[in-house]
Protein backbone atom coordinates (compact mmCIF):
# COMPACT_ATOMS: atom_id res chain seq x y z
CA UNK A 1 62.42 135.95 42.28
CA UNK A 2 62.89 132.79 40.04
CA UNK A 3 63.16 133.28 36.17
CA UNK A 4 59.72 131.38 35.94
CA UNK A 5 58.02 133.99 38.05
CA UNK A 6 59.70 136.79 36.14
CA UNK A 7 58.51 135.15 32.87
CA UNK A 8 55.00 134.87 34.42
CA UNK A 9 55.18 138.71 35.44
CA UNK A 10 56.12 139.65 32.04
CA UNK A 11 53.26 137.87 30.21
CA UNK A 12 50.90 139.35 32.73
CA UNK A 13 51.99 142.85 32.10
CA UNK A 14 51.78 142.01 28.27
CA UNK A 15 48.15 140.84 28.73
CA UNK A 16 47.16 143.96 30.67
CA UNK A 17 48.58 146.27 28.05
CA UNK A 18 47.07 144.17 25.15
CA UNK A 19 43.53 144.92 26.88
CA UNK A 20 41.35 147.68 25.40
CA UNK A 21 41.68 151.14 27.19
CA UNK A 22 39.07 151.70 29.84
CA UNK A 23 36.00 153.43 28.58
CA UNK A 24 36.33 156.34 31.39
CA UNK A 25 39.83 156.83 31.67
CA UNK A 26 41.21 160.07 29.94
CA UNK A 27 44.13 158.84 27.96
CA UNK A 28 45.46 162.50 26.97
CA UNK A 29 45.95 163.35 30.72
CA UNK A 30 46.35 159.85 31.83
CA UNK A 31 43.84 160.49 34.48
CA UNK A 32 40.32 159.02 35.43
CA UNK A 33 37.36 161.02 34.09
CA UNK A 34 35.34 162.19 37.25
CA UNK A 35 31.60 161.82 37.80
CA UNK A 36 29.01 163.01 40.32
CA UNK A 37 25.69 161.17 40.57
CA UNK A 38 22.37 162.55 41.34
CA UNK A 39 21.97 161.70 45.28
CA UNK A 40 18.21 161.12 45.53
CA UNK A 41 18.34 158.12 43.08
CA UNK A 42 17.42 154.85 44.71
CA UNK A 43 20.76 153.22 46.34
CA UNK A 44 20.40 150.16 44.00
CA UNK A 45 20.56 152.71 41.03
CA UNK A 46 23.33 154.58 42.26
CA UNK A 47 25.70 151.39 43.16
CA UNK A 48 25.07 150.02 39.61
CA UNK A 49 26.10 153.37 37.94
CA UNK A 50 28.99 153.61 40.16
CA UNK A 51 30.15 149.87 39.66
CA UNK A 52 29.79 150.83 35.67
CA UNK A 53 32.33 153.80 36.28
CA UNK A 54 34.64 152.54 38.43
CA UNK A 55 35.12 148.96 36.50
CA UNK A 56 35.92 150.92 33.49
CA UNK A 57 38.38 153.65 34.65
CA UNK A 58 36.34 156.40 36.14
CA UNK A 59 36.07 157.95 39.51
CA UNK A 60 32.86 158.88 41.33
CA UNK A 61 33.23 161.96 43.76
CA UNK A 62 30.63 163.56 46.06
CA UNK A 63 31.30 166.96 44.82
CA UNK A 64 30.39 168.32 41.46
CA UNK A 65 33.46 168.41 39.39
CA UNK A 66 34.78 171.16 37.52
CA UNK A 67 35.79 169.06 34.77
CA UNK A 68 33.90 165.78 34.26
CA UNK A 69 30.25 164.61 34.25
CA UNK A 70 27.21 165.29 36.54
CA UNK A 71 24.88 162.20 36.12
CA UNK A 72 21.30 163.25 36.43
CA UNK A 73 18.02 161.35 36.47
CA UNK A 74 16.22 163.32 33.53
CA UNK A 75 12.67 161.85 34.48
CA UNK A 76 13.11 163.47 37.91
CA UNK A 77 12.23 167.10 38.83
CA UNK A 78 15.44 167.35 40.79
CA UNK A 79 17.22 166.06 37.58
CA UNK A 80 15.99 169.05 35.65
CA UNK A 81 16.79 171.41 38.27
CA UNK A 82 20.57 170.03 38.36
CA UNK A 83 20.65 170.34 34.57
CA UNK A 84 19.44 174.01 34.75
CA UNK A 85 21.79 174.83 37.69
CA UNK A 86 25.13 173.31 36.41
CA UNK A 87 25.06 173.90 32.53
CA UNK A 88 27.19 176.95 32.56
CA UNK A 89 29.47 178.51 29.90
CA UNK A 90 32.13 179.41 32.25
CA UNK A 91 33.01 175.70 32.97
CA UNK A 92 33.12 174.01 29.38
CA UNK A 93 34.80 170.83 30.93
CA UNK A 94 31.57 170.03 33.03
CA UNK A 95 28.82 168.14 31.32
CA UNK A 96 25.30 167.26 32.54
CA UNK A 97 23.95 164.22 31.06
CA UNK A 98 21.39 161.48 32.06
CA UNK A 99 22.82 158.50 33.78
CA UNK A 100 22.10 155.89 31.34
CA UNK A 101 24.92 157.39 29.22
CA UNK A 102 27.19 155.53 31.45
CA UNK A 103 26.17 152.15 30.82
CA UNK A 104 25.22 152.90 27.29
CA UNK A 105 28.98 153.89 26.58
CA UNK A 106 30.21 150.65 28.36
CA UNK A 107 28.24 148.69 25.93
CA UNK A 108 29.47 150.57 23.01
CA UNK A 109 33.11 150.37 24.14
CA UNK A 110 33.79 154.00 23.88
CA UNK A 111 32.18 157.54 24.94
CA UNK A 112 28.81 158.21 23.10
CA UNK A 113 28.18 161.58 22.17
CA UNK A 114 26.23 163.52 25.09
CA UNK A 115 24.02 165.33 22.74
CA UNK A 116 22.20 161.95 21.79
CA UNK A 117 21.01 161.85 25.36
CA UNK A 118 19.39 165.21 25.66
CA UNK A 119 15.96 163.67 24.92
CA UNK A 120 16.28 160.31 26.21
CA UNK A 121 14.07 159.10 29.15
CA UNK A 122 14.76 155.84 30.95
CA UNK A 123 11.98 153.47 30.53
CA UNK A 124 13.64 149.81 31.49
CA UNK A 125 13.05 150.65 35.02
CA UNK A 126 11.18 148.51 37.75
CA UNK A 127 10.63 149.40 41.44
CA UNK A 128 13.46 152.15 41.14
CA UNK A 129 15.94 149.54 39.89
CA UNK A 130 16.99 148.68 36.14
CA UNK A 131 15.36 145.87 34.55
CA UNK A 132 17.94 142.87 33.77
CA UNK A 133 18.41 141.93 30.02
CA UNK A 134 20.45 139.13 28.40
CA UNK A 135 20.87 139.33 24.75
CA UNK A 136 21.18 136.07 23.14
CA UNK A 137 24.76 135.69 21.58
CA UNK A 138 23.21 134.10 18.55
CA UNK A 139 22.60 137.42 16.95
CA UNK A 140 25.70 138.57 14.68
CA UNK A 141 28.14 140.89 16.41
CA UNK A 142 27.13 144.19 14.91
CA UNK A 143 23.50 143.25 15.88
CA UNK A 144 24.46 141.87 19.42
CA UNK A 145 26.27 145.34 20.33
CA UNK A 146 23.32 147.65 18.86
CA UNK A 147 20.77 145.74 21.05
CA UNK A 148 22.91 146.07 24.10
CA UNK A 149 23.65 149.72 23.62
CA UNK A 150 19.80 150.41 22.84
CA UNK A 151 18.79 148.58 26.08
CA UNK A 152 21.48 150.48 28.14
CA UNK A 153 20.37 153.72 26.61
CA UNK A 154 16.95 153.34 27.90
CA UNK A 155 17.77 152.15 31.27
CA UNK A 156 18.25 148.49 31.17
CA UNK A 157 21.03 146.41 32.87
CA UNK A 158 22.75 144.15 30.38
CA UNK A 159 23.99 140.98 31.83
CA UNK A 160 26.29 138.26 30.18
CA UNK A 161 24.32 135.37 31.86
CA UNK A 162 20.37 134.68 32.01
CA UNK A 163 18.88 136.95 34.65
CA UNK A 164 16.84 135.45 37.63
CA UNK A 165 14.33 138.17 36.83
CA UNK A 166 14.15 140.16 33.68
CA UNK A 167 14.17 139.77 30.01
CA UNK A 168 15.93 137.61 27.41
CA UNK A 169 16.18 139.22 24.02
CA UNK A 170 16.43 136.46 21.25
CA UNK A 171 15.82 136.16 17.65
CA UNK A 172 12.05 134.77 16.97
CA UNK A 173 13.03 133.10 13.88
CA UNK A 174 15.41 130.70 15.52
CA UNK A 175 15.03 127.55 17.16
CA UNK A 176 16.74 128.90 20.28
CA UNK A 177 14.05 131.28 20.77
CA UNK A 178 11.47 128.27 21.08
CA UNK A 179 13.94 126.52 23.61
CA UNK A 180 14.05 129.74 25.68
CA UNK A 181 10.31 130.02 25.83
CA UNK A 182 9.86 126.33 26.79
CA UNK A 183 12.58 126.92 29.52
CA UNK A 184 11.08 129.70 31.15
CA UNK A 185 7.35 128.97 30.52
CA UNK A 186 6.77 128.39 34.02
CA UNK A 187 8.84 131.12 35.32
CA UNK A 188 7.25 133.88 37.43
CA UNK A 189 9.35 136.86 35.99
CA UNK A 190 11.73 135.73 33.09
CA UNK A 191 10.32 137.09 29.74
CA UNK A 192 11.53 135.82 26.25
CA UNK A 193 11.06 138.71 23.78
CA UNK A 194 12.29 139.71 20.31
CA UNK A 195 14.32 142.75 19.15
CA UNK A 196 10.83 143.84 17.40
CA UNK A 197 9.29 143.91 21.17
CA UNK A 198 12.25 146.13 22.25
CA UNK A 199 11.83 148.66 19.53
CA UNK A 200 8.01 148.98 20.36
CA UNK A 201 8.80 149.55 23.91
CA UNK A 202 10.99 152.42 22.84
CA UNK A 203 8.66 153.70 20.27
CA UNK A 204 5.79 153.62 22.87
CA UNK A 205 8.08 155.05 25.52
CA UNK A 206 6.63 152.35 27.93
CA UNK A 207 8.07 149.01 29.20
CA UNK A 208 5.25 146.34 29.24
CA UNK A 209 5.00 142.64 28.22
CA UNK A 210 1.68 141.31 26.42
CA UNK A 211 1.12 137.90 27.53
CA UNK A 212 0.43 135.22 24.94
CA UNK A 213 -2.82 133.43 24.24
CA UNK A 214 -2.54 129.75 24.22
CA UNK A 215 -5.08 127.53 22.80
CA UNK A 216 -5.86 123.83 24.37
CA UNK A 217 -5.33 121.17 22.02
CA UNK A 218 -7.75 117.93 21.90
CA UNK A 219 -6.98 114.47 22.27
CA UNK A 220 -5.28 112.08 24.82
CA UNK A 221 -3.19 109.00 24.96
CA UNK A 222 -4.49 105.56 26.41
CA UNK A 223 -4.03 105.45 30.19
CA UNK A 224 -1.36 103.55 31.80
CA UNK A 225 -0.92 101.45 34.85
CA UNK A 226 -2.41 102.78 37.81
CA UNK A 227 -0.37 104.05 40.81
CA UNK A 228 -2.40 104.79 43.90
CA UNK A 229 -2.46 108.69 44.87
CA UNK A 230 -1.36 109.97 48.14
CA UNK A 231 -2.35 112.97 50.46
CA UNK A 232 1.09 114.39 49.02
CA UNK A 233 0.51 114.06 45.49
CA UNK A 234 -2.82 115.87 45.87
CA UNK A 235 -1.18 118.61 47.93
CA UNK A 236 1.35 118.88 44.88
CA UNK A 237 -1.55 118.87 42.30
CA UNK A 238 -3.24 121.76 44.40
CA UNK A 239 -0.10 123.90 44.45
CA UNK A 240 0.64 123.38 40.76
CA UNK A 241 -2.89 124.29 39.76
CA UNK A 242 -3.04 127.26 42.11
CA UNK A 243 0.22 128.42 40.44
CA UNK A 244 -0.86 128.04 36.76
CA UNK A 245 -4.53 128.66 36.96
CA UNK A 246 -5.16 130.26 40.42
CA UNK A 247 -8.87 131.46 39.95
CA UNK A 248 -11.86 129.19 38.80
CA UNK A 249 -12.95 131.68 36.28
CA UNK A 250 -10.09 131.25 34.26
CA UNK A 251 -10.66 128.61 31.71
CA UNK A 252 -8.06 125.60 31.50
CA UNK A 253 -8.21 123.44 34.53
CA UNK A 254 -9.80 120.63 32.78
CA UNK A 255 -8.03 120.85 29.64
CA UNK A 256 -5.23 118.26 28.40
CA UNK A 257 -2.59 120.91 27.78
CA UNK A 258 -2.15 121.89 31.47
CA UNK A 259 -1.42 118.40 32.62
CA UNK A 260 0.73 117.67 29.68
CA UNK A 261 2.92 120.63 30.61
CA UNK A 262 3.02 119.17 33.99
CA UNK A 263 4.69 115.90 32.99
CA UNK A 264 6.72 117.43 30.44
CA UNK A 265 8.48 119.59 33.28
CA UNK A 266 9.64 117.13 35.58
CA UNK A 267 12.83 119.22 36.01
CA UNK A 268 10.68 121.66 37.96
CA UNK A 269 8.00 119.10 39.19
CA UNK A 270 9.75 115.79 40.08
CA UNK A 271 6.83 114.43 41.88
CA UNK A 272 4.69 114.59 38.32
CA UNK A 273 6.34 111.21 37.28
CA UNK A 274 4.35 109.17 39.45
CA UNK A 275 1.50 109.38 37.00
CA UNK A 276 0.81 110.08 33.60
CA UNK A 277 -0.68 113.27 32.37
CA UNK A 278 -4.12 111.65 31.77
CA UNK A 279 -4.09 110.25 35.26
CA UNK A 280 -3.46 113.62 36.89
CA UNK A 281 -6.17 115.25 34.85
CA UNK A 282 -8.62 112.42 35.79
CA UNK A 283 -7.72 112.82 39.50
CA UNK A 284 -8.68 116.63 39.28
CA UNK A 285 -11.78 115.98 37.35
CA UNK A 286 -13.29 113.26 39.31
CA UNK A 287 -12.50 115.27 42.71
CA UNK A 288 -13.17 118.83 41.12
CA UNK A 289 -15.26 120.29 43.87
CA UNK A 290 -12.63 119.44 46.65
CA UNK A 291 -9.63 120.53 44.58
CA UNK A 292 -11.22 123.81 43.87
CA UNK A 293 -11.80 124.49 47.56
CA UNK A 294 -8.23 123.41 48.26
CA UNK A 295 -6.85 125.54 45.50
CA UNK A 296 -8.58 128.81 46.65
CA UNK A 297 -7.42 128.37 49.94
CA UNK A 298 -3.79 127.76 48.65
CA UNK A 299 -3.99 130.95 46.56
CA UNK A 300 -5.26 132.85 49.35
CA UNK A 301 -1.91 132.01 51.47
CA UNK A 302 0.32 132.24 48.13
CA UNK A 303 -0.63 135.37 46.55
CA UNK A 304 0.34 135.04 42.81
CA UNK A 305 2.22 137.82 40.59
CA UNK A 306 0.01 140.61 39.70
CA UNK A 307 1.19 140.42 36.11
CA UNK A 308 0.13 137.11 35.53
CA UNK A 309 3.49 135.58 34.61
CA UNK A 310 3.91 132.00 35.12
CA UNK A 311 0.08 131.46 34.80
CA UNK A 312 -1.63 129.12 32.04
CA UNK A 313 -4.75 130.55 30.69
CA UNK A 314 -4.73 134.26 29.71
CA UNK A 315 -7.91 136.38 29.12
CA UNK A 316 -7.72 137.57 25.37
CA UNK A 317 -8.40 141.19 26.29
CA UNK A 318 -5.86 141.35 29.16
CA UNK A 319 -2.82 143.36 28.43
CA UNK A 320 -1.22 144.49 31.64
CA UNK A 321 2.03 146.69 31.74
CA UNK A 322 4.80 145.70 34.11
CA UNK A 323 5.45 148.71 36.21
CA UNK A 324 7.58 151.36 34.50
CA UNK A 325 9.34 154.54 35.35
CA UNK A 326 7.05 157.48 36.54
CA UNK A 327 7.59 160.85 38.16
CA UNK A 328 9.43 160.70 41.60
CA UNK A 329 8.12 162.44 44.75
CA UNK A 330 10.66 165.11 44.87
CA UNK A 331 11.49 166.96 48.16
CA UNK A 332 11.94 170.77 47.86
CA UNK A 333 15.72 170.87 48.51
CA UNK A 334 16.65 174.04 46.60
CA UNK A 335 19.80 172.27 45.41
CA UNK A 336 20.95 171.61 49.09
CA UNK A 337 22.65 168.11 48.51
CA UNK A 338 24.24 168.78 45.11
CA UNK A 339 25.74 172.19 45.35
CA UNK A 340 29.29 171.40 46.84
CA UNK A 341 31.76 172.22 44.17
CA UNK A 342 35.06 170.69 43.78
CA UNK A 343 37.84 172.80 45.24
CA UNK A 344 39.73 174.95 42.59
CA UNK A 345 42.95 176.97 42.63
CA UNK A 346 40.79 179.95 41.58
CA UNK A 347 37.00 179.28 42.81
CA UNK A 348 34.42 180.61 40.61
CA UNK A 349 21.83 166.51 36.36
CA UNK A 350 1.91 148.40 38.97
CA UNK A 351 -2.16 148.77 39.42
CA UNK A 352 -4.65 146.52 40.82
CA UNK A 353 -4.91 143.34 38.98
CA UNK A 354 -7.72 143.89 36.47
CA UNK A 355 -10.71 141.82 37.03
CA UNK A 356 -10.90 139.05 34.56
CA UNK A 357 -14.33 138.48 32.86
CA UNK A 358 -16.12 135.21 33.23
CA UNK A 359 -15.64 132.83 30.50
CA UNK A 360 -18.76 132.62 28.52
CA UNK A 361 -20.64 129.71 26.71
CA UNK A 362 -18.07 127.99 24.44
CA UNK A 363 -19.12 127.63 20.74
CA UNK A 364 -18.96 123.97 19.64
CA UNK A 365 -15.51 124.08 17.59
CA UNK A 366 -12.16 122.38 17.79
CA UNK A 367 -10.66 125.11 20.21
CA UNK A 368 -12.77 124.43 23.03
CA UNK A 369 -11.07 123.07 26.28
CA UNK A 370 -13.16 119.75 26.53
CA UNK A 371 -14.75 117.63 23.79
CA UNK A 372 -18.05 119.10 24.17
CA UNK A 373 -20.60 118.11 21.64
CA UNK A 374 -24.24 119.48 20.96
CA UNK A 375 -26.97 117.23 22.13
CA UNK A 376 -28.41 115.14 19.81
CA UNK A 377 -31.90 115.62 18.57
CA UNK A 378 -34.31 112.75 18.38
CA UNK A 379 -35.36 111.64 15.01
CA UNK A 380 -38.70 112.32 13.91
CA UNK A 381 -41.39 109.92 15.77
CA UNK A 382 -43.47 107.52 13.54
CA UNK A 383 -46.66 106.66 15.51
CA UNK A 384 -46.80 103.68 13.27
CA UNK A 385 -43.33 102.45 13.81
CA UNK A 386 -43.22 99.24 15.93
CA UNK A 387 -41.88 99.54 19.62
CA UNK A 388 -38.10 99.23 19.93
CA UNK A 389 -37.54 99.68 15.89
CA UNK A 390 -35.94 103.08 16.38
CA UNK A 391 -33.45 102.16 19.32
CA UNK A 392 -35.80 103.54 21.96
CA UNK A 393 -37.88 101.82 24.08
CA UNK A 394 -41.38 103.82 23.73
CA UNK A 395 -42.77 106.94 22.29
CA UNK A 396 -43.15 108.70 25.60
CA UNK A 397 -39.31 108.51 26.34
CA UNK A 398 -38.44 110.08 22.92
CA UNK A 399 -40.82 112.80 23.87
CA UNK A 400 -39.28 113.49 27.00
CA UNK A 401 -35.73 113.76 25.33
CA UNK A 402 -37.18 116.17 22.81
CA UNK A 403 -38.79 118.57 25.41
CA UNK A 404 -35.24 118.40 27.39
CA UNK A 405 -33.22 119.39 24.10
CA UNK A 406 -35.71 121.75 22.35
């Protein structure tokens, strides 16, 4: 071995020794802490918990350890049976605790008191798997760690990077929050939430997102040089509106903002740069019947998310929760799978989509989607006024207008 290789090896050894000790390594006995995981949890959940344990110095065994931890799902009937069975006074070194204690201790950097988890029920669960979270690093370090521990304690999976599907927690008072909202506005399943939202979920013991209500803004810029539309342009427009406003009863298809957003996000819709937002809007409005028919066909073959994520117009009264954790269908196994005890020298734990209410007649105000104005009433008719003096050709025409617009 050359001197340079020896130096590299020494430096590597020093670097390893300088690292913080593994959370699940028993330094007193220089051994890995043993864990047994409740067997009827989903495979994705078991794999995640195993990964947390092994990467942090622990050992997962198929038997119930004499000394170590039995990890249960406290929300399940089987988890409650295991807790009752394996909490015994004759094995003080064996502990039964909810499985979220493992990722929460990892987020904390040291073992948390298991007593703190006696009444904890995981809520950040979807489809029998943990909901992925990323906490913005813009928070101060103590706040950042507290948020990560809190998420993990209630079942969330904390990631260092943005999740492809999940939640990003950011400070609503900082510009980064607005940038994240803009970035993921068109995403089907990435939510930008605040620490206050997190606390509300915990207080309510329910994981849910409330979609924001967006108002259309009026006004538009003058049009630009026209580029002819193609069949491909129309197909792209059908898919875009079908994704953002899939049903004709949802207001917004003729509003300005929908098409402004299209042209602002050419990173997602590069084809949108062929025309101005106003041109896209006019294209839809002047061919509305045809587009609505094609959009309906597109939506039928491309079902949209039940929770409405990624859509543009939201019904004010609609607050649909994301699927959360619930009671399992437990089989009556009488403890068959989890009763093998580690050997000892002396033998002895989403709904149908709600129907949207139709949009009623809009009042004449600045928040309406289109620039709708009330019909003008004709001025009082003076029979003695000369014909043409009032801007109308004759009295009969004015009377007809009056009858049409009482």
